[in-house]
Amino acid sequence: MAPGGGVVSGREPADRVRRTVARNLEERLAAEIAGGVLRPGQRLPSERTLSEAYAVSRASVREAIRTLESRGLVESHQGRGTFVRPQGLERLVQVPAGPVSVDDRGVLHLFEVRAIVEPGVVRLAAQRARAEDVAALRQMVEQQQALLEAGRYTSADDARFHVRLARVSGNPVMTRLVEGVMRMLGEVREPARRASGLPASIAGHWEVLRAIEAADPERAAAAMTAHLNRARDKALLMLRIPLPAAG
């Protein structure tokens, strides 16, 4: 049994290693894109070539490319391959390509940014979500529920939901900002979550999803605000940081 009553799958250590390898490859490719080594419009090498060049499994290559695609750095075309995307407004915000150091004050600052930005993100998402966007969000939350029940839900899974919401908003600057904030928080939240043994919850994700399904911007914003308040308090508890004074 995992701390907090969750069941630990025998696959969890292997899954964690694969995610780490994929994350490292993602960061290396993102750095090459940022540095101009991989240019806009350039086709990425094949899975096999990347696997051999970086001495990683093809599964890790696929996971890294999926994450790069979710970040808007590459795009896949059926039968043609994966290409570096030309960058536009999203380049106003640069997502860290490698590990970052976040202190206690930094954690508080990042949650302040989330409290300002993400309710606005879901207002737009509730207004602009297409049927396929709503279906994809529901599928993501259902998958998160399954991971949670299997004791395999992580901060990275949480981050993917928030980034997907930002993409549904249709605003590339907000998407990059949310992605950067979640990346920085993930560096401290996941180790603290594992050490604390506090149970995870996606109740807030369900609340936000239902509001978006109802195309109700104000309900979505209120659900996100409540979710972020709970997430902030839990993160500060895990990290043993005093709660900020009211007002």
Protein backbone atom coordinates (compact mmCIF):
# COMPACT_ATOMS: atom_id res chain seq x y z
CA MET A 1 0.00 0.00 0.00
CA ALA A 2 1.21 3.50 -0.82
CA PRO A 3 1.19 6.26 1.83
CA GLY A 4 -2.36 7.54 2.17
CA GLY A 5 -3.87 4.18 1.23
CA GLY A 6 -3.13 4.06 -2.53
CA VAL A 7 -2.00 0.85 -4.15
CA VAL A 8 1.48 0.97 -5.67
CA SER A 9 1.74 -0.81 -9.00
CA GLY A 10 4.80 -2.95 -9.61
CA ARG A 11 5.20 -0.99 -12.83
CA GLU A 12 5.50 2.36 -11.06
CA PRO A 13 9.33 2.47 -10.74
CA ALA A 14 9.73 1.48 -14.40
CA ASP A 15 7.12 4.04 -15.46
CA ARG A 16 8.90 6.71 -13.43
CA VAL A 17 12.24 5.89 -15.07
CA ARG A 18 10.66 6.03 -18.53
CA ARG A 19 9.04 9.39 -17.76
CA THR A 20 12.40 10.74 -16.55
CA VAL A 21 14.18 9.56 -19.69
CA ALA A 22 11.44 11.03 -21.89
CA ARG A 23 11.57 14.29 -19.94
CA ASN A 24 15.34 14.54 -20.42
CA LEU A 25 15.00 13.92 -24.15
CA GLU A 26 12.18 16.45 -24.37
CA GLU A 27 14.37 19.07 -22.69
CA ARG A 28 17.30 18.38 -25.04
CA LEU A 29 15.12 18.66 -28.14
CA ALA A 30 13.42 21.81 -26.79
CA ALA A 31 16.85 23.36 -26.19
CA GLU A 32 17.87 22.52 -29.76
CA ILE A 33 14.70 24.17 -31.05
CA ALA A 34 15.25 27.25 -28.87
CA GLY A 35 18.89 27.45 -29.96
CA GLY A 36 18.10 27.17 -33.66
CA VAL A 37 19.80 23.79 -34.11
CA LEU A 38 16.37 22.47 -35.15
CA ARG A 39 14.85 25.20 -37.32
CA PRO A 40 11.18 26.08 -37.95
CA GLY A 41 9.74 23.79 -40.61
CA GLN A 42 12.52 21.23 -40.22
CA ARG A 43 11.46 17.59 -40.04
CA LEU A 44 12.55 15.76 -36.89
CA PRO A 45 14.59 12.58 -37.36
CA SER A 46 12.60 9.35 -37.22
CA GLU A 47 11.78 7.61 -33.94
CA ARG A 48 14.38 4.98 -34.72
CA THR A 49 17.07 7.58 -35.47
CA LEU A 50 16.33 9.55 -32.29
CA SER A 51 16.25 6.35 -30.25
CA GLU A 52 19.69 5.34 -31.51
CA ALA A 53 21.18 8.87 -31.35
CA TYR A 54 20.15 9.43 -27.73
CA ALA A 55 20.34 5.79 -26.54
CA VAL A 56 16.73 5.71 -25.35
CA SER A 57 13.75 3.50 -26.12
CA ARG A 58 11.33 4.34 -28.90
CA ALA A 59 8.57 4.56 -26.27
CA SER A 60 10.53 7.33 -24.56
CA VAL A 61 10.98 9.09 -27.92
CA ARG A 62 7.22 8.94 -28.56
CA GLU A 63 6.44 10.33 -25.11
CA ALA A 64 8.96 13.16 -25.51
CA ILE A 65 7.52 14.12 -28.91
CA ARG A 66 3.95 14.03 -27.57
CA THR A 67 4.96 16.48 -24.85
CA LEU A 68 6.77 18.74 -27.34
CA GLU A 69 3.61 18.71 -29.43
CA SER A 70 1.48 19.66 -26.41
CA ARG A 71 3.91 22.55 -25.83
CA GLY A 72 3.36 23.75 -29.37
CA LEU A 73 6.99 23.25 -30.35
CA VAL A 74 6.40 20.55 -32.97
CA GLU A 75 3.47 19.33 -35.07
CA SER A 76 2.83 15.90 -36.57
CA HIS A 77 1.43 15.27 -40.05
CA GLN A 78 0.08 11.83 -40.88
CA GLY A 79 2.37 10.09 -43.33
CA ARG A 80 4.85 12.97 -43.43
CA GLY A 81 6.44 13.04 -39.99
CA THR A 82 6.93 15.56 -37.19
CA PHE A 83 8.10 19.10 -37.89
CA VAL A 84 9.37 22.04 -35.82
CA ARG A 85 6.60 24.63 -35.61
CA PRO A 86 7.24 28.27 -36.47
CA GLN A 87 6.97 30.23 -33.22
CA GLY A 88 4.73 33.27 -32.86
CA LEU A 89 3.34 35.12 -29.84
CA GLU A 90 4.05 32.15 -27.56
CA ARG A 91 7.74 33.05 -27.73
CA LEU A 92 6.96 35.98 -25.41
CA VAL A 93 7.12 33.41 -22.58
CA GLN A 94 10.00 30.94 -22.55
CA VAL A 95 9.38 27.64 -20.77
CA PRO A 96 12.48 26.41 -18.91
CA ALA A 97 14.20 23.67 -20.90
CA GLY A 98 15.96 22.17 -17.88
CA PRO A 99 15.61 21.81 -14.11
CA VAL A 100 14.81 24.97 -12.17
CA SER A 101 15.30 26.00 -8.56
CA VAL A 102 12.24 27.37 -6.76
CA ASP A 103 12.38 28.57 -3.16
CA ASP A 104 9.49 29.08 -0.72
CA ARG A 105 8.79 32.62 -1.89
CA GLY A 106 8.91 31.45 -5.49
CA VAL A 107 6.22 28.82 -4.81
CA LEU A 108 3.95 31.50 -3.35
CA HIS A 109 4.60 33.79 -6.33
CA LEU A 110 3.80 31.02 -8.80
CA PHE A 111 0.48 30.28 -7.09
CA GLU A 112 -0.34 34.01 -7.17
CA VAL A 113 0.21 33.93 -10.95
CA ARG A 114 -2.04 30.89 -11.26
CA ALA A 115 -4.79 32.57 -9.23
CA ILE A 116 -4.77 35.52 -11.63
CA VAL A 117 -4.30 33.71 -14.94
CA GLU A 118 -6.10 30.37 -14.79
CA PRO A 119 -9.65 31.57 -13.94
CA GLY A 120 -9.35 33.74 -17.06
CA VAL A 121 -8.07 30.76 -19.03
CA VAL A 122 -11.11 28.65 -18.22
CA ARG A 123 -13.49 31.53 -18.92
CA LEU A 124 -12.12 31.57 -22.47
CA ALA A 125 -12.09 27.77 -22.64
CA ALA A 126 -15.77 27.61 -21.68
CA GLN A 127 -16.57 30.13 -24.41
CA ARG A 128 -14.37 28.67 -27.15
CA ALA A 129 -14.26 24.91 -26.56
CA ARG A 130 -15.38 22.86 -29.55
CA ALA A 131 -17.10 19.49 -29.15
CA GLU A 132 -13.82 17.69 -29.82
CA ASP A 133 -12.05 19.82 -27.19
CA VAL A 134 -14.65 18.91 -24.57
CA ALA A 135 -14.41 15.23 -25.51
CA ALA A 136 -10.60 15.32 -25.22
CA LEU A 137 -10.78 17.03 -21.82
CA ARG A 138 -13.26 14.45 -20.55
CA GLN A 139 -11.07 11.61 -21.79
CA MET A 140 -8.08 13.17 -20.03
CA VAL A 141 -9.91 13.50 -16.69
CA GLU A 142 -11.22 9.94 -16.96
CA GLN A 143 -7.65 8.71 -17.55
CA GLN A 144 -6.50 10.75 -14.55
CA GLN A 145 -9.21 9.13 -12.44
CA ALA A 146 -7.93 5.69 -13.45
CA LEU A 147 -4.34 6.68 -12.62
CA LEU A 148 -5.47 8.05 -9.27
CA GLU A 149 -7.29 4.84 -8.37
CA ALA A 150 -4.20 2.83 -9.37
CA GLY A 151 -1.93 4.98 -7.17
CA ARG A 152 0.01 6.24 -10.21
CA TYR A 153 -1.24 9.83 -10.51
CA THR A 154 1.55 12.45 -10.51
CA SER A 155 2.03 16.21 -10.62
CA ALA A 156 2.93 15.83 -14.30
CA ASP A 157 -0.54 14.41 -14.98
CA ASP A 158 -2.07 17.39 -13.16
CA ALA A 159 0.03 19.82 -15.20
CA ARG A 160 -1.09 18.28 -18.50
CA PHE A 161 -4.74 19.04 -17.68
CA HIS A 162 -4.03 22.69 -16.91
CA VAL A 163 -1.92 23.12 -20.05
CA ARG A 164 -4.64 21.46 -22.16
CA LEU A 165 -7.19 23.93 -20.74
CA ALA A 166 -4.91 26.78 -21.75
CA ARG A 167 -4.64 25.39 -25.28
CA VAL A 168 -8.43 25.18 -25.49
CA SER A 169 -8.59 28.87 -24.54
CA GLY A 170 -6.98 29.59 -27.90
CA ASN A 171 -4.46 32.05 -26.42
CA PRO A 172 -0.85 30.96 -27.11
CA VAL A 173 0.65 33.40 -24.61
CA MET A 174 -1.53 32.08 -21.79
CA THR A 175 -0.66 28.54 -22.84
CA ARG A 176 3.07 29.20 -22.56
CA LEU A 177 2.64 31.02 -19.26
CA VAL A 178 0.62 28.17 -17.71
CA GLU A 179 3.09 25.62 -19.04
CA GLY A 180 6.05 27.51 -17.58
CA VAL A 181 4.41 27.91 -14.17
CA MET A 182 3.41 24.24 -14.02
CA ARG A 183 6.90 23.15 -15.07
CA MET A 184 8.50 25.20 -12.28
CA LEU A 185 6.02 24.00 -9.66
CA GLY A 186 6.45 20.39 -10.75
CA GLU A 187 10.12 20.53 -9.79
CA VAL A 188 9.14 20.96 -6.13
CA ARG A 189 5.61 19.57 -5.90
CA GLU A 190 6.19 15.99 -7.06
CA PRO A 191 9.09 15.18 -4.67
CA ALA A 192 7.13 16.78 -1.83
CA ARG A 193 3.97 14.88 -2.75
CA ARG A 194 5.79 11.55 -2.66
CA ALA A 195 7.50 12.39 0.64
CA SER A 196 4.35 13.68 2.34
CA GLY A 197 2.09 10.73 1.60
CA LEU A 198 -0.87 13.11 1.24
CA PRO A 199 -3.54 11.64 -1.06
CA ALA A 200 -4.03 13.26 -4.45
CA SER A 201 -7.40 14.48 -5.70
CA ILE A 202 -8.83 15.50 -9.07
CA ALA A 203 -12.21 16.65 -7.76
CA GLY A 204 -11.40 20.17 -8.94
CA HIS A 205 -10.71 18.92 -12.46
CA TRP A 206 -14.16 17.33 -12.61
CA GLU A 207 -15.77 20.57 -11.42
CA VAL A 208 -13.97 22.65 -14.05
CA LEU A 209 -14.75 20.10 -16.78
CA ARG A 210 -18.48 20.09 -15.99
CA ALA A 211 -18.57 23.89 -16.15
CA ILE A 212 -16.86 23.85 -19.55
CA GLU A 213 -19.26 21.15 -20.77
CA ALA A 214 -22.08 23.48 -19.70
CA ALA A 215 -20.40 26.39 -21.58
CA ASP A 216 -20.63 28.44 -18.37
CA PRO A 217 -17.60 30.81 -18.14
CA GLU A 218 -18.34 32.21 -14.68
CA ARG A 219 -19.00 28.79 -13.18
CA ALA A 220 -15.74 27.56 -14.75
CA ALA A 221 -13.79 30.49 -13.30
CA ALA A 222 -15.29 29.96 -9.84
CA ALA A 223 -14.51 26.23 -9.99
CA MET A 224 -10.92 26.95 -11.02
CA THR A 225 -10.47 29.51 -8.23
CA ALA A 226 -11.71 27.03 -5.62
CA HIS A 227 -9.50 24.30 -7.09
CA LEU A 228 -6.41 26.51 -7.04
CA ASN A 229 -7.02 27.58 -3.45
CA ARG A 230 -7.15 23.93 -2.39
CA ALA A 231 -4.10 23.07 -4.50
CA ARG A 232 -2.11 25.98 -3.06
CA ASP A 233 -2.91 25.09 0.54
CA LYS A 234 -2.06 21.44 -0.05
CA ALA A 235 1.20 22.29 -1.82
CA LEU A 236 2.26 24.60 0.98
CA LEU A 237 1.40 21.90 3.52
CA MET A 238 3.49 19.35 1.60
CA LEU A 239 6.39 21.80 1.38
CA ARG A 240 5.96 22.95 5.00
CA ILE A 241 5.59 26.57 3.94
CA PRO A 242 3.36 28.79 6.19
CA LEU A 243 0.08 29.80 4.58
CA PRO A 244 0.06 33.47 3.50
CA ALA A 245 -1.82 35.86 5.75
CA ALA A 246 -5.40 36.60 4.67
CA GLY A 247 -5.79 39.82 2.74
